[in-house]
Amino acid sequence: MAGCEGLPDLGLKPGQPCPICHKPIAWLECRRVKSKVGGIEREHIYIYAWHTFKEGGQVKRKKCYLGAYTYDYVARKQVDIGLVPRGMALGTRRIAYHINEITTGLLPA
């Protein structure tokens, strides 16, 4: 899992079906990109599922974009409700995170 070390709760693992193309995942790649937004440096993590297959006697590779680990810009626009959208690489766990964040936001402080 290239570049994915230290990321908790990735719901997908090599060998599982890709949520985009449904082919088995050979490996996951996480690209870490740093950018400055409003003078604040942020790190964005983009996750890809790689697939290998044989075609014409050659091994070929294909990648599917699974989304960002978290959607920083969207999260900044949802700060009033405390929701942090997450990408498909977390699998169905992201639904539990969203439900937890929404219910926590509804409970009186």
C-alpha atoms as a PDB file:
ATOM      1  CA  MET A   1       0.000   0.000   0.000  1.00  0.00           C
ATOM      2  CA  ALA A   2       2.272   2.702  -1.341  1.00  0.00           C
ATOM      3  CA  GLY A   3       2.067   5.881   0.689  1.00  0.00           C
ATOM      4  CA  CYS A   4      -0.863   4.626   2.761  1.00  0.00           C
ATOM      5  CA  GLU A   5       1.183   3.819   5.846  1.00  0.00           C
ATOM      6  CA  GLY A   6      -0.216   5.455   8.960  1.00  0.00           C
ATOM      7  CA  LEU A   7      -3.728   5.919   7.560  1.00  0.00           C
ATOM      8  CA  PRO A   8      -6.202   4.340   9.962  1.00  0.00           C
ATOM      9  CA  ASP A   9      -9.414   2.664   8.905  1.00  0.00           C
ATOM     10  CA  LEU A  10      -8.844   2.015   5.224  1.00  0.00           C
ATOM     11  CA  GLY A  11     -11.777  -0.289   4.566  1.00  0.00           C
ATOM     12  CA  LEU A  12     -10.307  -1.732   1.377  1.00  0.00           C
ATOM     13  CA  LYS A  13      -7.420  -4.155   1.146  1.00  0.00           C
ATOM     14  CA  PRO A  14      -5.601  -5.855  -1.733  1.00  0.00           C
ATOM     15  CA  GLY A  15      -7.614  -8.782  -3.069  1.00  0.00           C
ATOM     16  CA  GLN A  16     -10.984  -7.166  -2.364  1.00  0.00           C
ATOM     17  CA  PRO A  17     -13.206  -5.963  -5.215  1.00  0.00           C
ATOM     18  CA  CYS A  18     -12.789  -2.354  -6.314  1.00  0.00           C
ATOM     19  CA  PRO A  19     -15.899  -0.223  -5.635  1.00  0.00           C
ATOM     20  CA  ILE A  20     -15.490   1.399  -9.078  1.00  0.00           C
ATOM     21  CA  CYS A  21     -14.824  -1.468 -11.520  1.00  0.00           C
ATOM     22  CA  HIS A  22     -15.380  -4.495  -9.217  1.00  0.00           C
ATOM     23  CA  LYS A  23     -12.062  -6.108 -10.239  1.00  0.00           C
ATOM     24  CA  PRO A  24      -9.731  -7.402  -7.504  1.00  0.00           C
ATOM     25  CA  ILE A  25      -7.415  -4.748  -6.073  1.00  0.00           C
ATOM     26  CA  ALA A  26      -3.723  -5.544  -6.569  1.00  0.00           C
ATOM     27  CA  TRP A  27      -2.535  -2.680  -4.332  1.00  0.00           C
ATOM     28  CA  LEU A  28      -3.606   0.704  -3.019  1.00  0.00           C
ATOM     29  CA  GLU A  29      -1.705   3.920  -3.649  1.00  0.00           C
ATOM     30  CA  CYS A  30      -2.044   7.065  -1.551  1.00  0.00           C
ATOM     31  CA  ARG A  31      -0.749  10.307  -3.008  1.00  0.00           C
ATOM     32  CA  ARG A  32      -0.026  13.008  -0.461  1.00  0.00           C
ATOM     33  CA  VAL A  33      -0.236  16.508  -1.880  1.00  0.00           C
ATOM     34  CA  LYS A  34       0.547  19.624   0.142  1.00  0.00           C
ATOM     35  CA  SER A  35      -1.083  22.918  -0.716  1.00  0.00           C
ATOM     36  CA  LYS A  36      -1.587  26.308   0.838  1.00  0.00           C
ATOM     37  CA  VAL A  37      -5.135  27.574   1.252  1.00  0.00           C
ATOM     38  CA  GLY A  38      -5.613  31.001   2.789  1.00  0.00           C
ATOM     39  CA  GLY A  39      -2.071  30.960   4.139  1.00  0.00           C
ATOM     40  CA  ILE A  40      -2.626  27.614   5.892  1.00  0.00           C
ATOM     41  CA  GLU A  41      -0.673  24.589   4.661  1.00  0.00           C
ATOM     42  CA  ARG A  42      -2.833  21.495   4.264  1.00  0.00           C
ATOM     43  CA  GLU A  43      -2.128  17.922   3.217  1.00  0.00           C
ATOM     44  CA  HIS A  44      -4.575  16.180   0.924  1.00  0.00           C
ATOM     45  CA  ILE A  45      -4.480  12.417   0.455  1.00  0.00           C
ATOM     46  CA  TYR A  46      -5.845  10.932  -2.772  1.00  0.00           C
ATOM     47  CA  ILE A  47      -6.381   7.174  -2.960  1.00  0.00           C
ATOM     48  CA  TYR A  48      -6.125   4.920  -6.017  1.00  0.00           C
ATOM     49  CA  ALA A  49      -6.803   1.198  -6.457  1.00  0.00           C
ATOM     50  CA  TRP A  50      -4.442  -0.539  -8.884  1.00  0.00           C
ATOM     51  CA  HIS A  51      -5.348  -3.644 -10.890  1.00  0.00           C
ATOM     52  CA  THR A  52      -3.162  -5.985 -12.922  1.00  0.00           C
ATOM     53  CA  PHE A  53      -4.344  -8.167 -15.787  1.00  0.00           C
ATOM     54  CA  LYS A  54      -2.921 -10.040 -18.761  1.00  0.00           C
ATOM     55  CA  GLU A  55      -3.650  -8.868 -22.259  1.00  0.00           C
ATOM     56  CA  GLY A  56      -1.957 -10.274 -25.330  1.00  0.00           C
ATOM     57  CA  GLY A  57       0.613 -12.092 -23.190  1.00  0.00           C
ATOM     58  CA  GLN A  58       1.641  -8.883 -21.403  1.00  0.00           C
ATOM     59  CA  VAL A  59       0.867  -7.821 -17.862  1.00  0.00           C
ATOM     60  CA  LYS A  60      -0.957  -4.512 -17.862  1.00  0.00           C
ATOM     61  CA  ARG A  61      -1.983  -2.179 -15.065  1.00  0.00           C
ATOM     62  CA  LYS A  62      -5.057  -0.022 -14.572  1.00  0.00           C
ATOM     63  CA  LYS A  63      -5.943   2.346 -11.742  1.00  0.00           C
ATOM     64  CA  CYS A  64      -9.245   3.578 -10.357  1.00  0.00           C
ATOM     65  CA  TYR A  65      -9.545   6.823  -8.398  1.00  0.00           C
ATOM     66  CA  LEU A  66     -11.309   6.132  -5.088  1.00  0.00           C
ATOM     67  CA  GLY A  67     -11.450   9.727  -3.914  1.00  0.00           C
ATOM     68  CA  ALA A  68      -9.770  11.674  -1.174  1.00  0.00           C
ATOM     69  CA  TYR A  69      -9.209  10.290   2.318  1.00  0.00           C
ATOM     70  CA  THR A  70     -11.209  13.267   3.607  1.00  0.00           C
ATOM     71  CA  TYR A  71     -12.712  16.132   1.671  1.00  0.00           C
ATOM     72  CA  ASP A  72     -11.088  19.142   3.314  1.00  0.00           C
ATOM     73  CA  TYR A  73     -12.845  21.886   1.355  1.00  0.00           C
ATOM     74  CA  VAL A  74     -16.270  20.323   1.821  1.00  0.00           C
ATOM     75  CA  ALA A  75     -15.562  19.752   5.529  1.00  0.00           C
ATOM     76  CA  ARG A  76     -14.746  23.450   5.982  1.00  0.00           C
ATOM     77  CA  LYS A  77     -18.162  24.271   4.510  1.00  0.00           C
ATOM     78  CA  GLN A  78     -19.870  21.775   6.870  1.00  0.00           C
ATOM     79  CA  VAL A  79     -18.191  22.972  10.067  1.00  0.00           C
ATOM     80  CA  ASP A  80     -21.532  24.035  11.576  1.00  0.00           C
ATOM     81  CA  ILE A  81     -22.795  20.437  11.546  1.00  0.00           C
ATOM     82  CA  GLY A  82     -19.457  18.738  12.235  1.00  0.00           C
ATOM     83  CA  LEU A  83     -19.523  16.505   9.168  1.00  0.00           C
ATOM     84  CA  VAL A  84     -16.230  15.385   7.591  1.00  0.00           C
ATOM     85  CA  PRO A  85     -16.937  13.669   4.242  1.00  0.00           C
ATOM     86  CA  ARG A  86     -14.642  10.723   3.493  1.00  0.00           C
ATOM     87  CA  GLY A  87     -13.741   8.846   0.310  1.00  0.00           C
ATOM     88  CA  MET A  88     -14.662   5.364  -0.866  1.00  0.00           C
ATOM     89  CA  ALA A  89     -11.373   3.827   0.292  1.00  0.00           C
ATOM     90  CA  LEU A  90     -12.815   3.642   3.809  1.00  0.00           C
ATOM     91  CA  GLY A  91     -15.467   1.274   2.492  1.00  0.00           C
ATOM     92  CA  THR A  92     -18.750   1.102   4.361  1.00  0.00           C
ATOM     93  CA  ARG A  93     -17.059   2.370   7.545  1.00  0.00           C
ATOM     94  CA  ARG A  94     -17.476   5.888   6.217  1.00  0.00           C
ATOM     95  CA  ILE A  95     -21.238   5.529   6.681  1.00  0.00           C
ATOM     96  CA  ALA A  96     -20.749   4.782  10.378  1.00  0.00           C
ATOM     97  CA  TYR A  97     -18.489   7.826  10.705  1.00  0.00           C
ATOM     98  CA  HIS A  98     -21.097  10.033   9.043  1.00  0.00           C
ATOM     99  CA  ILE A  99     -23.928   8.713  11.232  1.00  0.00           C
ATOM    100  CA  ASN A 100     -21.834   9.196  14.368  1.00  0.00           C
ATOM    101  CA  GLU A 101     -20.901  12.763  13.392  1.00  0.00           C
ATOM    102  CA  ILE A 102     -24.483  13.673  12.537  1.00  0.00           C
ATOM    103  CA  THR A 103     -25.963  12.211  15.727  1.00  0.00           C
ATOM    104  CA  THR A 104     -23.258  13.865  17.835  1.00  0.00           C
ATOM    105  CA  GLY A 105     -24.194  17.174  16.209  1.00  0.00           C
ATOM    106  CA  LEU A 106     -27.863  16.627  17.089  1.00  0.00           C
ATOM    107  CA  LEU A 107     -27.305  15.825  20.764  1.00  0.00           C
ATOM    108  CA  PRO A 108     -27.482  18.765  23.171  1.00  0.00           C
ATOM    109  CA  ALA A 109     -24.109  19.830  24.561  1.00  0.00           C
END
